[in-house]
Amino acid sequence: MTLCVCVAARNESARLPILLDALAMQDWPDPIPVSIAINNSSDNSRAVVEAARQRHAGRLNICITEHIFAPDLAHAGSARRLAMDKGLDLLPALDNTALVSTDADSRPPTDWLRNIAAAFSRGADMVGGRIDIDGAEPLPPQVQRLRMAWDRYWANVRTIEDMIDPLPWDPAPRHGDHTGASLAIRAALYLACGGVPAIASGEDRALVMAALAQGGRLVHPVTVSTRVSPRLDGRADGGMAAGMQTLFASAQKNISPMAPAFTHWHERAHWRRQLRMQPDGAALIALQEPLLPPMPHDMVLELQP
């Protein structure tokens, strides 16, 4: 299988060498195509990528695209779409090939690509990777306590889903992440669902929903993960940095956040199960679920000492 790693980068000269060095250290047997879309940047990102291309010649096949988007299009959706569309050009064909999205502040472990390919070999059409905080930039204790509470919450949600509406292609144990920092999709499916939507935020989730509506099978193997920076100055509106800002603010104020009670997740899982029994049920879920009203945040998140 051929995998192409796709990266959107805006003023990321400090982070890109870390990512590219991590890609060069993958235990992947073949040279790795890498599509980097440098967009609306004013730093020396081009120079540091060129240096990495020389440093990892023969190991990384880096294609650099530079573009200045107009103000109304200068957002994560346009940038990620550019990176992944250019990544298609680096693939030999659509059959048995995939695009692997990641972020410029990511540092994937050495088995990242190998484990993604293994998931595809088991029949997946999309592979979500767990998002971990990079140990090189540890969280303050109170923030880490809050993050662990959210991890426990989402683990309970997955247990509910696996009990009521299990998916045979995405069995437990599984994580729940499928964001642009680690999201792989078969090239043919990427084209079939129209590619990354050029929207200001949530473009990764929108891509997943569009692929699910095409019948794509999304998996979350615990063997697939990447490490990202807990930085607060992200490039995307509503991205991970915004979530980290909320996490830090709650920890600083010693606030216990509110979350949807587990009863709502029971109801949602039963709703999915009933719809999944219909012809093209998975596609119906992908089309209808985004239209449902948001769940109320009516339960205090449980924090452990």
C-alpha atoms as a PDB file:
ATOM      1  CA  MET A   1       0.000   0.000   0.000  1.00  0.00           C
ATOM      2  CA  THR A   2       1.130   3.578  -0.705  1.00  0.00           C
ATOM      3  CA  LEU A   3       0.448   6.283   1.889  1.00  0.00           C
ATOM      4  CA  CYS A   4       0.941  10.016   1.364  1.00  0.00           C
ATOM      5  CA  VAL A   5       1.212  12.236   4.439  1.00  0.00           C
ATOM      6  CA  CYS A   6      -0.518  15.595   3.987  1.00  0.00           C
ATOM      7  CA  VAL A   7       0.266  18.668   6.094  1.00  0.00           C
ATOM      8  CA  ALA A   8      -1.142  22.192   6.073  1.00  0.00           C
ATOM      9  CA  ALA A   9       1.295  24.683   7.584  1.00  0.00           C
ATOM     10  CA  ARG A  10       0.926  28.355   8.413  1.00  0.00           C
ATOM     11  CA  ASN A  11       3.931  29.991  10.098  1.00  0.00           C
ATOM     12  CA  GLU A  12       5.104  26.615  11.406  1.00  0.00           C
ATOM     13  CA  SER A  13       8.881  26.879  10.885  1.00  0.00           C
ATOM     14  CA  ALA A  14       9.556  25.877  14.510  1.00  0.00           C
ATOM     15  CA  ARG A  15       7.352  22.765  14.344  1.00  0.00           C
ATOM     16  CA  LEU A  16       7.847  21.390  10.845  1.00  0.00           C
ATOM     17  CA  PRO A  17      11.379  20.016  11.406  1.00  0.00           C
ATOM     18  CA  ILE A  18      10.105  17.996  14.391  1.00  0.00           C
ATOM     19  CA  LEU A  19       7.298  16.497  12.310  1.00  0.00           C
ATOM     20  CA  LEU A  20       9.482  15.750   9.294  1.00  0.00           C
ATOM     21  CA  ASP A  21      12.197  14.139  11.414  1.00  0.00           C
ATOM     22  CA  ALA A  22       9.507  11.931  13.001  1.00  0.00           C
ATOM     23  CA  LEU A  23       8.236  10.937   9.558  1.00  0.00           C
ATOM     24  CA  ALA A  24      11.752  10.046   8.453  1.00  0.00           C
ATOM     25  CA  MET A  25      12.022   7.730  11.477  1.00  0.00           C
ATOM     26  CA  GLN A  26       8.901   5.728  10.579  1.00  0.00           C
ATOM     27  CA  ASP A  27       9.453   1.986  10.374  1.00  0.00           C
ATOM     28  CA  TRP A  28       7.844   2.095   6.939  1.00  0.00           C
ATOM     29  CA  PRO A  29       9.825   0.159   4.325  1.00  0.00           C
ATOM     30  CA  ASP A  30       9.404   2.530   1.384  1.00  0.00           C
ATOM     31  CA  PRO A  31      10.110   6.206   0.697  1.00  0.00           C
ATOM     32  CA  ILE A  32       7.262   8.307   2.107  1.00  0.00           C
ATOM     33  CA  PRO A  33       5.459  10.889  -0.055  1.00  0.00           C
ATOM     34  CA  VAL A  34       4.753  14.074   1.909  1.00  0.00           C
ATOM     35  CA  SER A  35       2.562  16.927   0.667  1.00  0.00           C
ATOM     36  CA  ILE A  36       3.108  20.199   2.547  1.00  0.00           C
ATOM     37  CA  ALA A  37       0.865  23.176   1.814  1.00  0.00           C
ATOM     38  CA  ILE A  38       2.519  26.307   3.205  1.00  0.00           C
ATOM     39  CA  ASN A  39      -0.213  28.906   3.252  1.00  0.00           C
ATOM     40  CA  ASN A  40      -0.406  32.575   4.219  1.00  0.00           C
ATOM     41  CA  SER A  41       2.957  32.360   5.960  1.00  0.00           C
ATOM     42  CA  SER A  42       5.429  35.099   6.791  1.00  0.00           C
ATOM     43  CA  ASP A  43       8.178  32.976   8.368  1.00  0.00           C
ATOM     44  CA  ASN A  44      10.895  30.773   6.866  1.00  0.00           C
ATOM     45  CA  SER A  45       8.792  27.612   6.639  1.00  0.00           C
ATOM     46  CA  ARG A  46       9.874  27.057   3.040  1.00  0.00           C
ATOM     47  CA  ALA A  47      13.542  27.132   4.016  1.00  0.00           C
ATOM     48  CA  VAL A  48      13.180  24.677   6.903  1.00  0.00           C
ATOM     49  CA  VAL A  49      11.207  22.265   4.714  1.00  0.00           C
ATOM     50  CA  GLU A  50      13.821  22.538   1.977  1.00  0.00           C
ATOM     51  CA  ALA A  51      16.498  21.748   4.570  1.00  0.00           C
ATOM     52  CA  ALA A  52      14.507  18.707   5.724  1.00  0.00           C
ATOM     53  CA  ARG A  53      14.111  17.588   2.110  1.00  0.00           C
ATOM     54  CA  GLN A  54      17.880  17.583   1.749  1.00  0.00           C
ATOM     55  CA  ARG A  55      18.391  15.987   5.159  1.00  0.00           C
ATOM     56  CA  HIS A  56      15.985  13.156   4.400  1.00  0.00           C
ATOM     57  CA  ALA A  57      16.634  12.747   0.677  1.00  0.00           C
ATOM     58  CA  GLY A  58      15.678   9.265  -0.443  1.00  0.00           C
ATOM     59  CA  ARG A  59      13.530   8.759   2.640  1.00  0.00           C
ATOM     60  CA  LEU A  60      10.929  11.524   2.310  1.00  0.00           C
ATOM     61  CA  ASN A  61       9.574  12.584  -1.067  1.00  0.00           C
ATOM     62  CA  ILE A  62       8.479  16.094  -0.046  1.00  0.00           C
ATOM     63  CA  CYS A  63       6.287  18.183  -2.337  1.00  0.00           C
ATOM     64  CA  ILE A  64       5.974  21.820  -1.254  1.00  0.00           C
ATOM     65  CA  THR A  65       3.026  23.947  -2.328  1.00  0.00           C
ATOM     66  CA  GLU A  66       2.899  27.622  -1.381  1.00  0.00           C
ATOM     67  CA  HIS A  67      -0.293  29.626  -1.609  1.00  0.00           C
ATOM     68  CA  ILE A  68      -1.774  32.851  -0.281  1.00  0.00           C
ATOM     69  CA  PHE A  69      -5.498  32.487   0.256  1.00  0.00           C
ATOM     70  CA  ALA A  70      -7.783  35.509   0.176  1.00  0.00           C
ATOM     71  CA  PRO A  71      -8.907  36.603   3.663  1.00  0.00           C
ATOM     72  CA  ASP A  72     -12.278  34.872   3.393  1.00  0.00           C
ATOM     73  CA  LEU A  73     -10.570  31.589   2.441  1.00  0.00           C
ATOM     74  CA  ALA A  74      -7.551  31.793   4.749  1.00  0.00           C
ATOM     75  CA  HIS A  75      -8.657  29.021   7.073  1.00  0.00           C
ATOM     76  CA  ALA A  76      -8.043  25.401   7.982  1.00  0.00           C
ATOM     77  CA  GLY A  77     -10.474  23.956   5.452  1.00  0.00           C
ATOM     78  CA  SER A  78      -8.808  25.576   2.452  1.00  0.00           C
ATOM     79  CA  ALA A  79      -5.310  24.737   3.683  1.00  0.00           C
ATOM     80  CA  ARG A  80      -6.020  21.088   4.470  1.00  0.00           C
ATOM     81  CA  ARG A  81      -7.864  20.639   1.196  1.00  0.00           C
ATOM     82  CA  LEU A  82      -4.877  22.029  -0.706  1.00  0.00           C
ATOM     83  CA  ALA A  83      -2.454  19.711   1.095  1.00  0.00           C
ATOM     84  CA  MET A  84      -4.569  16.612   0.462  1.00  0.00           C
ATOM     85  CA  ASP A  85      -5.479  17.478  -3.121  1.00  0.00           C
ATOM     86  CA  LYS A  86      -1.782  17.925  -3.909  1.00  0.00           C
ATOM     87  CA  GLY A  87      -1.130  14.646  -2.095  1.00  0.00           C
ATOM     88  CA  LEU A  88      -3.251  12.850  -4.674  1.00  0.00           C
ATOM     89  CA  ASP A  89      -0.681  13.819  -7.283  1.00  0.00           C
ATOM     90  CA  LEU A  90       2.005  11.941  -5.342  1.00  0.00           C
ATOM     91  CA  LEU A  91       0.088   8.660  -5.373  1.00  0.00           C
ATOM     92  CA  PRO A  92       0.685   6.170  -8.189  1.00  0.00           C
ATOM     93  CA  ALA A  93      -3.015   5.281  -8.511  1.00  0.00           C
ATOM     94  CA  LEU A  94      -6.300   5.308  -6.596  1.00  0.00           C
ATOM     95  CA  ASP A  95      -6.266   1.591  -5.911  1.00  0.00           C
ATOM     96  CA  ASN A  96      -4.681   0.567  -2.596  1.00  0.00           C
ATOM     97  CA  THR A  97      -3.517   4.091  -1.773  1.00  0.00           C
ATOM     98  CA  ALA A  98      -4.482   6.524   0.986  1.00  0.00           C
ATOM     99  CA  LEU A  99      -4.006  10.090   2.135  1.00  0.00           C
ATOM    100  CA  VAL A 100      -2.905  10.588   5.739  1.00  0.00           C
ATOM    101  CA  SER A 101      -3.701  13.967   7.246  1.00  0.00           C
ATOM    102  CA  THR A 102      -1.668  15.333  10.129  1.00  0.00           C
ATOM    103  CA  ASP A 103      -0.836  18.716  11.662  1.00  0.00           C
ATOM    104  CA  ALA A 104       2.429  20.616  11.628  1.00  0.00           C
ATOM    105  CA  ASP A 105       2.766  20.342  15.424  1.00  0.00           C
ATOM    106  CA  SER A 106       2.392  16.557  15.396  1.00  0.00           C
ATOM    107  CA  ARG A 107       5.133  14.070  16.327  1.00  0.00           C
ATOM    108  CA  PRO A 108       3.927  10.588  15.344  1.00  0.00           C
ATOM    109  CA  PRO A 109       5.543   7.479  16.823  1.00  0.00           C
ATOM    110  CA  THR A 110       7.658   5.283  14.576  1.00  0.00           C
ATOM    111  CA  ASP A 111       4.876   2.715  13.982  1.00  0.00           C
ATOM    112  CA  TRP A 112       2.218   5.276  12.993  1.00  0.00           C
ATOM    113  CA  LEU A 113       2.114   4.569   9.255  1.00  0.00           C
ATOM    114  CA  ARG A 114       2.609   0.826   9.662  1.00  0.00           C
ATOM    115  CA  ASN A 115      -0.369   0.566  12.023  1.00  0.00           C
ATOM    116  CA  ILE A 116      -2.508   2.726   9.738  1.00  0.00           C
ATOM    117  CA  ALA A 117      -1.734   0.415   6.825  1.00  0.00           C
ATOM    118  CA  ALA A 118      -2.561  -2.612   8.986  1.00  0.00           C
ATOM    119  CA  ALA A 119      -5.993  -1.133   9.709  1.00  0.00           C
ATOM    120  CA  PHE A 120      -6.591  -0.626   5.989  1.00  0.00           C
ATOM    121  CA  SER A 121      -5.563  -4.235   5.343  1.00  0.00           C
ATOM    122  CA  ARG A 122      -8.353  -5.333   7.707  1.00  0.00           C
ATOM    123  CA  GLY A 123     -10.968  -3.573   5.570  1.00  0.00           C
ATOM    124  CA  ALA A 124     -11.083  -0.013   6.881  1.00  0.00           C
ATOM    125  CA  ASP A 125     -11.807   2.919   4.579  1.00  0.00           C
ATOM    126  CA  MET A 126     -10.814   5.579   7.139  1.00  0.00           C
ATOM    127  CA  VAL A 127      -8.464   5.313  10.104  1.00  0.00           C
ATOM    128  CA  GLY A 128      -8.668   7.741  13.004  1.00  0.00           C
ATOM    129  CA  GLY A 129      -5.653   8.116  15.281  1.00  0.00           C
ATOM    130  CA  ARG A 130      -5.738   8.820  19.009  1.00  0.00           C
ATOM    131  CA  ILE A 131      -4.473  12.294  19.888  1.00  0.00           C
ATOM    132  CA  ASP A 132      -2.033  12.352  22.799  1.00  0.00           C
ATOM    133  CA  ILE A 133      -0.284  15.323  24.351  1.00  0.00           C
ATOM    134  CA  ASP A 134       3.407  15.329  23.493  1.00  0.00           C
ATOM    135  CA  GLY A 135       5.398  14.299  26.550  1.00  0.00           C
ATOM    136  CA  ALA A 136       8.042  16.821  25.560  1.00  0.00           C
ATOM    137  CA  GLU A 137       5.523  19.541  26.527  1.00  0.00           C
ATOM    138  CA  PRO A 138       3.776  18.178  29.634  1.00  0.00           C
ATOM    139  CA  LEU A 139       0.549  19.684  30.921  1.00  0.00           C
ATOM    140  CA  PRO A 140       0.352  21.367  34.335  1.00  0.00           C
ATOM    141  CA  PRO A 141      -1.020  18.917  36.957  1.00  0.00           C
ATOM    142  CA  GLN A 142      -4.459  20.570  37.250  1.00  0.00           C
ATOM    143  CA  VAL A 143      -4.884  20.644  33.489  1.00  0.00           C
ATOM    144  CA  GLN A 144      -3.776  17.013  33.212  1.00  0.00           C
ATOM    145  CA  ARG A 145      -6.320  16.070  35.910  1.00  0.00           C
ATOM    146  CA  LEU A 146      -9.077  17.697  33.888  1.00  0.00           C
ATOM    147  CA  ARG A 147      -7.951  16.068  30.644  1.00  0.00           C
ATOM    148  CA  MET A 148      -7.953  12.656  32.317  1.00  0.00           C
ATOM    149  CA  ALA A 149     -11.509  13.299  33.504  1.00  0.00           C
ATOM    150  CA  TRP A 150     -12.570  13.958  29.922  1.00  0.00           C
ATOM    151  CA  ASP A 151     -10.734  10.815  28.791  1.00  0.00           C
ATOM    152  CA  ARG A 152     -12.723   8.759  31.319  1.00  0.00           C
ATOM    153  CA  TYR A 153     -15.946  10.418  30.198  1.00  0.00           C
ATOM    154  CA  TRP A 154     -15.384   9.593  26.533  1.00  0.00           C
ATOM    155  CA  ALA A 155     -14.327   6.039  27.399  1.00  0.00           C
ATOM    156  CA  ASN A 156     -17.707   5.624  29.115  1.00  0.00           C
ATOM    157  CA  VAL A 157     -19.461   7.009  26.040  1.00  0.00           C
ATOM    158  CA  ARG A 158     -17.687   4.466  23.841  1.00  0.00           C
ATOM    159  CA  THR A 159     -18.687   1.673  26.226  1.00  0.00           C
ATOM    160  CA  ILE A 160     -22.323   2.731  25.857  1.00  0.00           C
ATOM    161  CA  GLU A 161     -22.036   2.812  22.069  1.00  0.00           C
ATOM    162  CA  ASP A 162     -20.307  -0.572  21.932  1.00  0.00           C
ATOM    163  CA  MET A 163     -23.007  -2.103  24.120  1.00  0.00           C
ATOM    164  CA  ILE A 164     -26.014  -0.755  22.195  1.00  0.00           C
ATOM    165  CA  ASP A 165     -24.794  -0.178  18.632  1.00  0.00           C
ATOM    166  CA  PRO A 166     -21.579  -2.150  18.109  1.00  0.00           C
ATOM    167  CA  LEU A 167     -19.836  -1.882  14.765  1.00  0.00           C
ATOM    168  CA  PRO A 168     -18.152  -5.136  13.716  1.00  0.00           C
ATOM    169  CA  TRP A 169     -15.451  -3.291  11.732  1.00  0.00           C
ATOM    170  CA  ASP A 170     -14.604  -0.944  14.659  1.00  0.00           C
ATOM    171  CA  PRO A 171     -14.516  -3.247  17.689  1.00  0.00           C
ATOM    172  CA  ALA A 172     -13.522  -2.491  21.249  1.00  0.00           C
ATOM    173  CA  PRO A 173     -11.069  -1.601  22.542  1.00  0.00           C
ATOM    174  CA  ARG A 174     -11.040   1.564  20.473  1.00  0.00           C
ATOM    175  CA  HIS A 175     -10.399   5.244  21.001  1.00  0.00           C
ATOM    176  CA  GLY A 176     -12.731   7.946  19.699  1.00  0.00           C
ATOM    177  CA  ASP A 177     -10.517  10.402  17.801  1.00  0.00           C
ATOM    178  CA  HIS A 178     -10.706  11.109  14.094  1.00  0.00           C
ATOM    179  CA  THR A 179      -9.352  14.618  13.660  1.00  0.00           C
ATOM    180  CA  GLY A 180      -7.052  16.164  11.089  1.00  0.00           C
ATOM    181  CA  ALA A 181      -4.022  15.515  13.278  1.00  0.00           C
ATOM    182  CA  SER A 182      -4.299  11.802  12.450  1.00  0.00           C
ATOM    183  CA  LEU A 183      -6.883  10.855   9.867  1.00  0.00           C
ATOM    184  CA  ALA A 184      -6.235   8.489   6.966  1.00  0.00           C
ATOM    185  CA  ILE A 185      -8.676   7.943   4.101  1.00  0.00           C
ATOM    186  CA  ARG A 186      -8.522   5.814   0.990  1.00  0.00           C
ATOM    187  CA  ALA A 187      -7.767   7.991  -2.026  1.00  0.00           C
ATOM    188  CA  ALA A 188     -10.765   6.739  -4.005  1.00  0.00           C
ATOM    189  CA  LEU A 189     -13.127   7.503  -1.128  1.00  0.00           C
ATOM    190  CA  TYR A 190     -11.575  10.951  -0.708  1.00  0.00           C
ATOM    191  CA  LEU A 191     -12.452  11.753  -4.305  1.00  0.00           C
ATOM    192  CA  ALA A 192     -15.886  10.149  -4.091  1.00  0.00           C
ATOM    193  CA  CYS A 193     -16.954  12.300  -1.143  1.00  0.00           C
ATOM    194  CA  GLY A 194     -15.667  15.550  -2.636  1.00  0.00           C
ATOM    195  CA  GLY A 195     -12.510  16.049  -0.598  1.00  0.00           C
ATOM    196  CA  VAL A 196     -11.994  18.325   2.385  1.00  0.00           C
ATOM    197  CA  PRO A 197     -14.771  20.939   2.610  1.00  0.00           C
ATOM    198  CA  ALA A 198     -13.322  24.454   2.383  1.00  0.00           C
ATOM    199  CA  ILE A 199     -14.900  25.633   5.635  1.00  0.00           C
ATOM    200  CA  ALA A 200     -13.342  27.714   8.390  1.00  0.00           C
ATOM    201  CA  SER A 201     -13.398  25.024  11.083  1.00  0.00           C
ATOM    202  CA  GLY A 202     -14.526  21.442  11.572  1.00  0.00           C
ATOM    203  CA  GLU A 203     -13.323  20.501   8.100  1.00  0.00           C
ATOM    204  CA  ASP A 204     -11.953  17.182   9.367  1.00  0.00           C
ATOM    205  CA  ARG A 205     -15.262  16.176  10.967  1.00  0.00           C
ATOM    206  CA  ALA A 206     -17.130  17.268   7.825  1.00  0.00           C
ATOM    207  CA  LEU A 207     -14.850  15.117   5.670  1.00  0.00           C
ATOM    208  CA  VAL A 208     -15.515  12.113   7.890  1.00  0.00           C
ATOM    209  CA  MET A 209     -19.287  12.623   7.753  1.00  0.00           C
ATOM    210  CA  ALA A 210     -19.188  12.966   3.958  1.00  0.00           C
ATOM    211  CA  ALA A 211     -17.167   9.753   3.684  1.00  0.00           C
ATOM    212  CA  LEU A 212     -19.541   7.929   6.028  1.00  0.00           C
ATOM    213  CA  ALA A 213     -22.449   9.070   3.873  1.00  0.00           C
ATOM    214  CA  GLN A 214     -20.662   7.309   0.984  1.00  0.00           C
ATOM    215  CA  GLY A 215     -20.617   4.107   3.027  1.00  0.00           C
ATOM    216  CA  GLY A 216     -17.030   4.413   4.237  1.00  0.00           C
ATOM    217  CA  ARG A 217     -15.975   2.363   7.247  1.00  0.00           C
ATOM    218  CA  LEU A 218     -14.225   4.379   9.949  1.00  0.00           C
ATOM    219  CA  VAL A 219     -12.058   2.609  12.537  1.00  0.00           C
ATOM    220  CA  HIS A 220     -10.267   3.755  15.695  1.00  0.00           C
ATOM    221  CA  PRO A 221      -7.579   1.154  16.514  1.00  0.00           C
ATOM    222  CA  VAL A 222      -5.749   1.770  19.775  1.00  0.00           C
ATOM    223  CA  THR A 223      -2.485   1.032  17.966  1.00  0.00           C
ATOM    224  CA  VAL A 224      -2.793   4.254  15.911  1.00  0.00           C
ATOM    225  CA  SER A 225      -1.932   7.510  17.674  1.00  0.00           C
ATOM    226  CA  THR A 226       0.102  10.662  17.380  1.00  0.00           C
ATOM    227  CA  ARG A 227       1.452  13.249  19.789  1.00  0.00           C
ATOM    228  CA  VAL A 228       0.600  16.922  19.456  1.00  0.00           C
ATOM    229  CA  SER A 229       1.600  20.112  21.177  1.00  0.00           C
ATOM    230  CA  PRO A 230      -0.717  21.482  23.907  1.00  0.00           C
ATOM    231  CA  ARG A 231      -0.118  24.968  22.564  1.00  0.00           C
ATOM    232  CA  LEU A 232      -2.736  27.654  23.094  1.00  0.00           C
ATOM    233  CA  ASP A 233      -1.946  29.668  19.948  1.00  0.00           C
ATOM    234  CA  GLY A 234      -3.337  27.391  17.257  1.00  0.00           C
ATOM    235  CA  ARG A 235      -3.848  28.222  13.608  1.00  0.00           C
ATOM    236  CA  ALA A 236      -7.425  26.986  13.172  1.00  0.00           C
ATOM    237  CA  ASP A 237     -10.566  28.588  14.575  1.00  0.00           C
ATOM    238  CA  GLY A 238     -12.227  26.121  16.904  1.00  0.00           C
ATOM    239  CA  GLY A 239      -9.287  23.718  16.655  1.00  0.00           C
ATOM    240  CA  MET A 240      -7.390  21.888  19.355  1.00  0.00           C
ATOM    241  CA  ALA A 241      -5.754  25.053  20.652  1.00  0.00           C
ATOM    242  CA  ALA A 242      -9.197  26.487  21.402  1.00  0.00           C
ATOM    243  CA  GLY A 243     -10.019  23.333  23.337  1.00  0.00           C
ATOM    244  CA  MET A 244      -6.771  23.636  25.252  1.00  0.00           C
ATOM    245  CA  GLN A 245      -7.596  27.252  26.101  1.00  0.00           C
ATOM    246  CA  THR A 246     -10.903  26.108  27.590  1.00  0.00           C
ATOM    247  CA  LEU A 247      -9.162  23.305  29.472  1.00  0.00           C
ATOM    248  CA  PHE A 248      -6.541  25.652  30.924  1.00  0.00           C
ATOM    249  CA  ALA A 249      -9.185  28.238  31.881  1.00  0.00           C
ATOM    250  CA  SER A 250     -11.333  25.656  33.662  1.00  0.00           C
ATOM    251  CA  ALA A 251      -8.311  24.297  35.545  1.00  0.00           C
ATOM    252  CA  GLN A 252      -7.152  27.763  36.532  1.00  0.00           C
ATOM    253  CA  LYS A 253     -10.593  28.653  37.908  1.00  0.00           C
ATOM    254  CA  ASN A 254     -10.962  25.183  39.473  1.00  0.00           C
ATOM    255  CA  ILE A 255     -14.209  24.705  37.572  1.00  0.00           C
ATOM    256  CA  SER A 256     -15.781  21.284  36.997  1.00  0.00           C
ATOM    257  CA  PRO A 257     -17.117  21.426  33.410  1.00  0.00           C
ATOM    258  CA  MET A 258     -20.575  20.276  32.426  1.00  0.00           C
ATOM    259  CA  ALA A 259     -21.100  17.444  29.960  1.00  0.00           C
ATOM    260  CA  PRO A 260     -24.092  15.631  28.440  1.00  0.00           C
ATOM    261  CA  ALA A 261     -25.413  13.036  30.862  1.00  0.00           C
ATOM    262  CA  PHE A 262     -24.845   9.433  29.842  1.00  0.00           C
ATOM    263  CA  THR A 263     -28.616   8.941  29.391  1.00  0.00           C
ATOM    264  CA  HIS A 264     -28.391  11.131  26.296  1.00  0.00           C
ATOM    265  CA  TRP A 265     -25.700   8.889  24.852  1.00  0.00           C
ATOM    266  CA  HIS A 266     -27.899   5.852  25.546  1.00  0.00           C
ATOM    267  CA  GLU A 267     -30.707   7.510  23.588  1.00  0.00           C
ATOM    268  CA  ARG A 268     -28.401   8.495  20.747  1.00  0.00           C
ATOM    269  CA  ALA A 269     -26.964   4.972  20.468  1.00  0.00           C
ATOM    270  CA  HIS A 270     -30.482   3.489  20.312  1.00  0.00           C
ATOM    271  CA  TRP A 271     -31.398   6.051  17.642  1.00  0.00           C
ATOM    272  CA  ARG A 272     -28.353   5.030  15.584  1.00  0.00           C
ATOM    273  CA  ARG A 273     -29.122   1.344  16.001  1.00  0.00           C
ATOM    274  CA  GLN A 274     -32.696   1.749  14.754  1.00  0.00           C
ATOM    275  CA  LEU A 275     -31.590   3.790  11.765  1.00  0.00           C
ATOM    276  CA  ARG A 276     -28.731   1.392  10.980  1.00  0.00           C
ATOM    277  CA  MET A 277     -31.254  -1.423  10.482  1.00  0.00           C
ATOM    278  CA  GLN A 278     -32.645   0.384   7.432  1.00  0.00           C
ATOM    279  CA  PRO A 279     -31.153   0.052   3.927  1.00  0.00           C
ATOM    280  CA  ASP A 280     -28.142   2.380   3.720  1.00  0.00           C
ATOM    281  CA  GLY A 281     -28.567   2.976   7.443  1.00  0.00           C
ATOM    282  CA  ALA A 282     -24.968   4.064   7.983  1.00  0.00           C
ATOM    283  CA  ALA A 283     -25.308   6.727   5.307  1.00  0.00           C
ATOM    284  CA  LEU A 284     -28.615   7.897   6.800  1.00  0.00           C
ATOM    285  CA  ILE A 285     -26.936   8.318  10.176  1.00  0.00           C
ATOM    286  CA  ALA A 286     -24.144  10.386   8.662  1.00  0.00           C
ATOM    287  CA  LEU A 287     -26.667  12.620   6.884  1.00  0.00           C
ATOM    288  CA  GLN A 288     -29.144  13.040   9.725  1.00  0.00           C
ATOM    289  CA  GLU A 289     -27.007  13.116  12.879  1.00  0.00           C
ATOM    290  CA  PRO A 290     -25.454  16.559  12.198  1.00  0.00           C
ATOM    291  CA  LEU A 291     -29.004  17.943  11.995  1.00  0.00           C
ATOM    292  CA  LEU A 292     -30.005  16.741  15.473  1.00  0.00           C
ATOM    293  CA  PRO A 293     -30.187  19.388  18.230  1.00  0.00           C
ATOM    294  CA  PRO A 294     -27.113  19.526  20.495  1.00  0.00           C
ATOM    295  CA  MET A 295     -27.236  17.431  23.623  1.00  0.00           C
ATOM    296  CA  PRO A 296     -27.759  19.452  26.815  1.00  0.00           C
ATOM    297  CA  HIS A 297     -24.750  19.730  29.091  1.00  0.00           C
ATOM    298  CA  ASP A 298     -26.562  18.705  32.249  1.00  0.00           C
ATOM    299  CA  MET A 299     -24.036  16.571  34.177  1.00  0.00           C
ATOM    300  CA  VAL A 300     -21.023  17.728  36.143  1.00  0.00           C
ATOM    301  CA  LEU A 301     -17.846  16.095  34.864  1.00  0.00           C
ATOM    302  CA  GLU A 302     -16.483  13.827  37.579  1.00  0.00           C
ATOM    303  CA  LEU A 303     -12.994  14.776  38.712  1.00  0.00           C
ATOM    304  CA  GLN A 304     -10.852  12.373  40.661  1.00  0.00           C
ATOM    305  CA  PRO A 305      -8.455  13.567  43.391  1.00  0.00           C
END
